[in-house]
N, C-alpha and C. Protein backbone atom coordinates (compact mmCIF):
# COMPACT_ATOMS: atom_id res chain seq x y z
N MET A 1 33.78 8.88 0.02
CA MET A 1 32.86 9.00 -1.10
C MET A 1 32.53 10.48 -1.29
N SER A 2 32.68 10.96 -2.49
CA SER A 2 32.45 12.37 -2.75
C SER A 2 30.95 12.70 -2.69
N SER A 3 30.69 13.99 -2.51
CA SER A 3 29.29 14.46 -2.45
C SER A 3 28.56 14.17 -3.75
N MET A 4 29.25 14.36 -4.88
CA MET A 4 28.62 14.10 -6.18
C MET A 4 28.26 12.63 -6.34
N HIS A 5 29.13 11.73 -5.86
CA HIS A 5 28.87 10.29 -5.94
C HIS A 5 27.67 9.92 -5.07
N LYS A 6 27.58 10.51 -3.88
CA LYS A 6 26.44 10.26 -3.00
C LYS A 6 25.14 10.72 -3.65
N ASP A 7 25.19 11.88 -4.29
CA ASP A 7 24.00 12.39 -4.98
C ASP A 7 23.60 11.49 -6.13
N LEU A 8 24.56 10.96 -6.87
CA LEU A 8 24.26 10.05 -7.97
C LEU A 8 23.63 8.76 -7.45
N ASP A 9 24.12 8.28 -6.32
CA ASP A 9 23.51 7.09 -5.70
C ASP A 9 22.05 7.35 -5.34
N LYS A 10 21.79 8.52 -4.76
CA LYS A 10 20.41 8.88 -4.40
C LYS A 10 19.53 8.99 -5.64
N ILE A 11 20.06 9.63 -6.66
CA ILE A 11 19.29 9.80 -7.90
C ILE A 11 19.00 8.43 -8.53
N PHE A 12 19.97 7.54 -8.51
CA PHE A 12 19.76 6.20 -9.06
C PHE A 12 18.68 5.46 -8.27
N LEU A 13 18.73 5.52 -6.94
CA LEU A 13 17.73 4.84 -6.10
C LEU A 13 16.33 5.38 -6.38
N ILE A 14 16.21 6.69 -6.45
CA ILE A 14 14.90 7.30 -6.72
C ILE A 14 14.43 6.94 -8.13
N GLY A 15 15.35 6.99 -9.10
CA GLY A 15 14.99 6.66 -10.49
C GLY A 15 14.56 5.21 -10.66
N ALA A 16 15.30 4.30 -10.03
CA ALA A 16 14.94 2.87 -10.12
C ALA A 16 13.59 2.61 -9.46
N GLY A 17 13.38 3.21 -8.29
CA GLY A 17 12.08 3.06 -7.63
C GLY A 17 10.96 3.67 -8.45
N GLY A 18 11.22 4.84 -9.02
CA GLY A 18 10.21 5.50 -9.87
C GLY A 18 9.87 4.70 -11.10
N PHE A 19 10.86 4.09 -11.71
CA PHE A 19 10.64 3.24 -12.88
C PHE A 19 9.68 2.10 -12.54
N LEU A 20 9.96 1.42 -11.44
CA LEU A 20 9.10 0.30 -11.03
C LEU A 20 7.72 0.78 -10.59
N GLY A 21 7.65 1.92 -9.90
CA GLY A 21 6.37 2.46 -9.46
C GLY A 21 5.47 2.83 -10.63
N ALA A 22 6.06 3.43 -11.65
CA ALA A 22 5.29 3.83 -12.83
C ALA A 22 4.74 2.60 -13.56
N ILE A 23 5.55 1.57 -13.67
CA ILE A 23 5.10 0.33 -14.33
C ILE A 23 3.98 -0.32 -13.52
N CYS A 24 4.12 -0.36 -12.21
CA CYS A 24 3.08 -0.95 -11.36
C CYS A 24 1.78 -0.15 -11.45
N ARG A 25 1.88 1.19 -11.46
CA ARG A 25 0.67 2.02 -11.59
C ARG A 25 -0.01 1.75 -12.91
N PHE A 26 0.74 1.76 -13.98
CA PHE A 26 0.18 1.51 -15.31
C PHE A 26 -0.51 0.14 -15.34
N SER A 27 0.16 -0.87 -14.82
CA SER A 27 -0.40 -2.23 -14.84
C SER A 27 -1.68 -2.32 -14.03
N LEU A 28 -1.71 -1.74 -12.84
CA LEU A 28 -2.90 -1.79 -12.01
C LEU A 28 -4.05 -1.00 -12.65
N CYS A 29 -3.75 0.16 -13.19
CA CYS A 29 -4.78 0.99 -13.82
C CYS A 29 -5.35 0.34 -15.08
N GLU A 30 -4.56 -0.46 -15.75
CA GLU A 30 -5.04 -1.17 -16.94
C GLU A 30 -6.08 -2.23 -16.58
N LEU A 31 -6.05 -2.71 -15.36
CA LEU A 31 -6.96 -3.76 -14.91
C LEU A 31 -8.34 -3.22 -14.53
N MET A 32 -8.45 -1.90 -14.35
CA MET A 32 -9.68 -1.30 -13.83
C MET A 32 -10.15 -0.14 -14.69
N GLU A 33 -11.38 0.23 -14.46
CA GLU A 33 -11.92 1.43 -15.08
C GLU A 33 -11.11 2.63 -14.58
N SER A 34 -10.95 3.63 -15.40
CA SER A 34 -10.05 4.75 -15.17
C SER A 34 -10.08 5.31 -13.74
N HIS A 35 -11.23 5.82 -13.30
CA HIS A 35 -11.23 6.48 -11.98
C HIS A 35 -11.06 5.49 -10.84
N PHE A 36 -11.45 4.24 -10.99
CA PHE A 36 -11.23 3.24 -9.94
C PHE A 36 -9.75 2.84 -9.89
N GLY A 37 -9.09 2.83 -11.03
CA GLY A 37 -7.66 2.53 -11.06
C GLY A 37 -6.86 3.61 -10.34
N ILE A 38 -7.18 4.87 -10.62
CA ILE A 38 -6.50 5.98 -9.97
C ILE A 38 -6.79 5.98 -8.47
N LEU A 39 -8.04 5.76 -8.09
CA LEU A 39 -8.40 5.67 -6.68
C LEU A 39 -7.61 4.54 -6.01
N SER A 40 -7.54 3.40 -6.66
CA SER A 40 -6.83 2.24 -6.08
C SER A 40 -5.36 2.52 -5.85
N VAL A 41 -4.68 3.11 -6.86
CA VAL A 41 -3.24 3.36 -6.66
C VAL A 41 -3.01 4.43 -5.61
N ASN A 42 -3.89 5.42 -5.53
CA ASN A 42 -3.70 6.47 -4.53
C ASN A 42 -3.94 5.96 -3.11
N VAL A 43 -4.95 5.13 -2.93
CA VAL A 43 -5.23 4.59 -1.59
C VAL A 43 -4.17 3.56 -1.20
N LEU A 44 -3.85 2.65 -2.09
CA LEU A 44 -2.82 1.66 -1.81
C LEU A 44 -1.47 2.35 -1.58
N GLY A 45 -1.17 3.35 -2.38
CA GLY A 45 0.06 4.10 -2.21
C GLY A 45 0.11 4.84 -0.89
N SER A 46 -1.01 5.40 -0.47
CA SER A 46 -1.06 6.10 0.82
C SER A 46 -0.83 5.13 1.97
N PHE A 47 -1.43 3.95 1.87
CA PHE A 47 -1.21 2.92 2.89
C PHE A 47 0.27 2.52 2.94
N MET A 48 0.84 2.25 1.77
CA MET A 48 2.23 1.83 1.71
C MET A 48 3.18 2.94 2.18
N LEU A 49 2.87 4.17 1.82
CA LEU A 49 3.71 5.28 2.28
C LEU A 49 3.58 5.46 3.80
N GLY A 50 2.38 5.22 4.34
CA GLY A 50 2.21 5.22 5.79
C GLY A 50 3.09 4.16 6.45
N LEU A 51 3.17 2.98 5.84
CA LEU A 51 4.05 1.92 6.35
C LEU A 51 5.51 2.37 6.33
N ILE A 52 5.92 2.91 5.20
CA ILE A 52 7.32 3.30 5.02
C ILE A 52 7.71 4.43 5.98
N MET A 53 6.89 5.45 6.04
CA MET A 53 7.23 6.62 6.85
C MET A 53 7.21 6.32 8.35
N TYR A 54 6.23 5.55 8.79
CA TYR A 54 6.14 5.27 10.22
C TYR A 54 7.06 4.14 10.65
N ASP A 55 7.56 3.35 9.70
CA ASP A 55 8.54 2.33 10.03
C ASP A 55 9.76 2.97 10.68
N THR A 56 10.19 4.10 10.15
CA THR A 56 11.36 4.80 10.69
C THR A 56 11.17 5.16 12.15
N GLU A 57 9.98 5.59 12.50
CA GLU A 57 9.70 6.02 13.87
C GLU A 57 9.53 4.85 14.84
N TYR A 58 8.92 3.76 14.38
CA TYR A 58 8.55 2.69 15.31
C TYR A 58 9.39 1.41 15.20
N ILE A 59 9.88 1.08 14.02
CA ILE A 59 10.58 -0.20 13.87
C ILE A 59 12.02 0.00 13.39
N GLY A 60 12.21 0.74 12.32
CA GLY A 60 13.54 0.99 11.79
C GLY A 60 14.03 -0.07 10.83
N PHE A 61 13.12 -0.83 10.23
CA PHE A 61 13.49 -1.87 9.28
C PHE A 61 13.97 -1.27 7.96
N ILE A 62 13.33 -0.20 7.53
CA ILE A 62 13.67 0.44 6.26
C ILE A 62 14.66 1.58 6.53
N GLY A 63 15.81 1.49 5.91
CA GLY A 63 16.85 2.49 6.10
C GLY A 63 16.66 3.68 5.18
N PRO A 64 17.58 4.64 5.26
CA PRO A 64 17.48 5.84 4.42
C PRO A 64 17.46 5.55 2.92
N LYS A 65 18.24 4.57 2.48
CA LYS A 65 18.24 4.21 1.05
C LYS A 65 16.92 3.59 0.63
N GLY A 66 16.35 2.79 1.50
CA GLY A 66 15.04 2.19 1.22
C GLY A 66 13.95 3.24 1.14
N LYS A 67 14.04 4.24 2.04
CA LYS A 67 13.06 5.33 2.01
C LYS A 67 13.16 6.11 0.70
N LEU A 68 14.39 6.32 0.23
CA LEU A 68 14.55 7.02 -1.04
C LEU A 68 13.99 6.20 -2.20
N ALA A 69 14.35 4.93 -2.26
CA ALA A 69 13.93 4.08 -3.37
C ALA A 69 12.42 3.82 -3.35
N PHE A 70 11.89 3.46 -2.19
CA PHE A 70 10.48 3.09 -2.11
C PHE A 70 9.57 4.27 -1.77
N GLY A 71 9.96 5.07 -0.81
CA GLY A 71 9.12 6.19 -0.40
C GLY A 71 9.07 7.29 -1.44
N THR A 72 10.23 7.77 -1.86
CA THR A 72 10.28 8.86 -2.82
C THR A 72 10.11 8.36 -4.25
N GLY A 73 10.90 7.37 -4.65
CA GLY A 73 10.87 6.88 -6.02
C GLY A 73 9.61 6.09 -6.38
N PHE A 74 9.46 4.94 -5.75
CA PHE A 74 8.34 4.06 -6.10
C PHE A 74 6.99 4.71 -5.83
N MET A 75 6.80 5.21 -4.60
CA MET A 75 5.50 5.80 -4.25
C MET A 75 5.23 7.08 -5.03
N GLY A 76 6.29 7.85 -5.31
CA GLY A 76 6.11 9.07 -6.09
C GLY A 76 5.60 8.79 -7.49
N ALA A 77 6.05 7.69 -8.07
CA ALA A 77 5.60 7.33 -9.42
C ALA A 77 4.33 6.47 -9.40
N PHE A 78 4.14 5.72 -8.34
CA PHE A 78 2.98 4.83 -8.26
C PHE A 78 1.69 5.62 -8.03
N THR A 79 1.74 6.56 -7.11
CA THR A 79 0.55 7.39 -6.86
C THR A 79 0.52 8.53 -7.86
N THR A 80 -0.65 9.13 -8.03
CA THR A 80 -0.74 10.16 -9.06
C THR A 80 -1.78 11.21 -8.71
N PHE A 81 -1.31 12.29 -8.13
CA PHE A 81 -2.20 13.39 -7.80
C PHE A 81 -2.64 14.13 -9.06
N SER A 82 -1.73 14.32 -9.99
CA SER A 82 -2.05 15.11 -11.19
C SER A 82 -3.12 14.43 -12.03
N THR A 83 -3.04 13.13 -12.21
CA THR A 83 -4.07 12.43 -12.99
C THR A 83 -5.41 12.50 -12.27
N PHE A 84 -5.39 12.35 -10.96
CA PHE A 84 -6.60 12.47 -10.15
C PHE A 84 -7.21 13.86 -10.31
N ALA A 85 -6.38 14.91 -10.30
CA ALA A 85 -6.87 16.28 -10.42
C ALA A 85 -7.49 16.52 -11.80
N VAL A 86 -6.80 16.10 -12.85
CA VAL A 86 -7.32 16.29 -14.22
C VAL A 86 -8.60 15.47 -14.41
N GLN A 87 -8.59 14.25 -13.92
CA GLN A 87 -9.76 13.39 -14.02
C GLN A 87 -10.97 14.04 -13.35
N SER A 88 -10.76 14.57 -12.16
CA SER A 88 -11.85 15.23 -11.43
C SER A 88 -12.33 16.47 -12.18
N PHE A 89 -11.42 17.22 -12.74
CA PHE A 89 -11.74 18.45 -13.47
C PHE A 89 -12.60 18.17 -14.70
N THR A 90 -12.42 17.02 -15.32
CA THR A 90 -13.17 16.69 -16.54
C THR A 90 -14.54 16.08 -16.26
N MET A 91 -14.85 15.80 -15.01
CA MET A 91 -16.13 15.20 -14.65
C MET A 91 -17.18 16.29 -14.42
N PRO A 92 -18.46 15.92 -14.54
CA PRO A 92 -19.51 16.85 -14.11
C PRO A 92 -19.34 17.15 -12.61
N PHE A 93 -19.92 18.24 -12.15
CA PHE A 93 -19.67 18.75 -10.80
C PHE A 93 -19.87 17.71 -9.69
N PHE A 94 -21.03 17.08 -9.62
CA PHE A 94 -21.30 16.18 -8.48
C PHE A 94 -20.47 14.90 -8.53
N PRO A 95 -20.29 14.26 -9.69
CA PRO A 95 -19.36 13.13 -9.72
C PRO A 95 -17.92 13.54 -9.37
N ALA A 96 -17.51 14.75 -9.78
CA ALA A 96 -16.18 15.23 -9.44
C ALA A 96 -16.05 15.43 -7.93
N LEU A 97 -17.07 16.02 -7.33
CA LEU A 97 -17.06 16.23 -5.88
C LEU A 97 -16.98 14.90 -5.14
N GLU A 98 -17.73 13.92 -5.62
CA GLU A 98 -17.68 12.59 -5.03
C GLU A 98 -16.28 11.98 -5.20
N ASN A 99 -15.71 12.09 -6.40
CA ASN A 99 -14.38 11.54 -6.67
C ASN A 99 -13.32 12.18 -5.76
N ILE A 100 -13.38 13.49 -5.61
CA ILE A 100 -12.43 14.20 -4.76
C ILE A 100 -12.60 13.77 -3.30
N SER A 101 -13.83 13.72 -2.83
CA SER A 101 -14.10 13.34 -1.44
C SER A 101 -13.63 11.93 -1.14
N VAL A 102 -13.96 11.00 -2.02
CA VAL A 102 -13.59 9.60 -1.81
C VAL A 102 -12.08 9.43 -1.83
N ASN A 103 -11.41 10.06 -2.81
CA ASN A 103 -9.95 9.96 -2.90
C ASN A 103 -9.28 10.51 -1.65
N LEU A 104 -9.67 11.69 -1.24
CA LEU A 104 -9.03 12.30 -0.06
C LEU A 104 -9.30 11.49 1.20
N PHE A 105 -10.55 11.11 1.42
CA PHE A 105 -10.90 10.37 2.62
C PHE A 105 -10.17 9.03 2.68
N LEU A 106 -10.24 8.26 1.59
CA LEU A 106 -9.63 6.93 1.61
C LEU A 106 -8.10 6.99 1.63
N ALA A 107 -7.51 8.03 1.01
CA ALA A 107 -6.05 8.17 1.08
C ALA A 107 -5.62 8.45 2.52
N LEU A 108 -6.36 9.29 3.23
CA LEU A 108 -6.04 9.56 4.63
C LEU A 108 -6.25 8.31 5.49
N VAL A 109 -7.30 7.56 5.20
CA VAL A 109 -7.52 6.29 5.91
C VAL A 109 -6.36 5.34 5.63
N GLY A 110 -5.88 5.34 4.38
CA GLY A 110 -4.74 4.49 4.02
C GLY A 110 -3.51 4.81 4.85
N VAL A 111 -3.17 6.09 4.98
CA VAL A 111 -2.02 6.49 5.80
C VAL A 111 -2.24 6.08 7.25
N PHE A 112 -3.43 6.31 7.76
CA PHE A 112 -3.76 5.93 9.14
C PHE A 112 -3.60 4.42 9.33
N MET A 113 -4.08 3.64 8.38
CA MET A 113 -3.98 2.18 8.49
C MET A 113 -2.52 1.72 8.39
N GLY A 114 -1.74 2.37 7.54
CA GLY A 114 -0.31 2.05 7.45
C GLY A 114 0.39 2.31 8.78
N ARG A 115 0.08 3.47 9.37
CA ARG A 115 0.66 3.84 10.67
C ARG A 115 0.21 2.85 11.74
N SER A 116 -1.07 2.52 11.75
CA SER A 116 -1.59 1.57 12.75
C SER A 116 -0.96 0.20 12.60
N THR A 117 -0.74 -0.23 11.37
CA THR A 117 -0.10 -1.52 11.12
C THR A 117 1.32 -1.54 11.68
N ILE A 118 2.07 -0.49 11.41
CA ILE A 118 3.45 -0.41 11.92
C ILE A 118 3.46 -0.36 13.45
N LYS A 119 2.56 0.42 14.04
CA LYS A 119 2.51 0.49 15.50
C LYS A 119 2.18 -0.87 16.09
N THR A 120 1.27 -1.61 15.46
CA THR A 120 0.91 -2.94 15.95
C THR A 120 2.10 -3.89 15.81
N LEU A 121 2.77 -3.86 14.67
CA LEU A 121 3.92 -4.74 14.46
C LEU A 121 5.06 -4.41 15.42
N SER A 122 5.18 -3.16 15.81
CA SER A 122 6.26 -2.75 16.71
C SER A 122 5.93 -3.05 18.17
N GLY A 123 4.65 -3.36 18.44
CA GLY A 123 4.23 -3.60 19.81
C GLY A 123 3.97 -2.32 20.59
N ARG A 124 3.94 -1.20 19.89
CA ARG A 124 3.71 0.11 20.54
C ARG A 124 2.35 0.65 20.15
N GLU A 125 1.33 0.06 20.67
CA GLU A 125 -0.04 0.49 20.36
C GLU A 125 -0.52 1.53 21.37
N GLU A 126 0.22 2.59 21.51
CA GLU A 126 -0.10 3.64 22.47
C GLU A 126 -1.27 4.47 22.05
């Protein structure tokens, strides 16, 4: 398989995952008030990315193609740092500070919970 063909496969996997991630983000955000929708996709996305990234280290269920499609493509389109940044910028100072703090804290908790879930499923709760 040529290098160009391999690159096209990767681009297709990322694009297909991104397409689905963008649709899921839009759908979830439509169900909620603007800043809660963005918070929800960022926290859920951080949890899911924690699952995907730590799966490689502890379980190995998701292969390199899955990481490209779901980790890079889907999660890249599902989560949205830029919308969160613009949203925070347009808020008054204290609500913006609260929005930034809550997003960052809960996103980090999401990654931690994803990692903890994978470690528990792998039986390696070190």
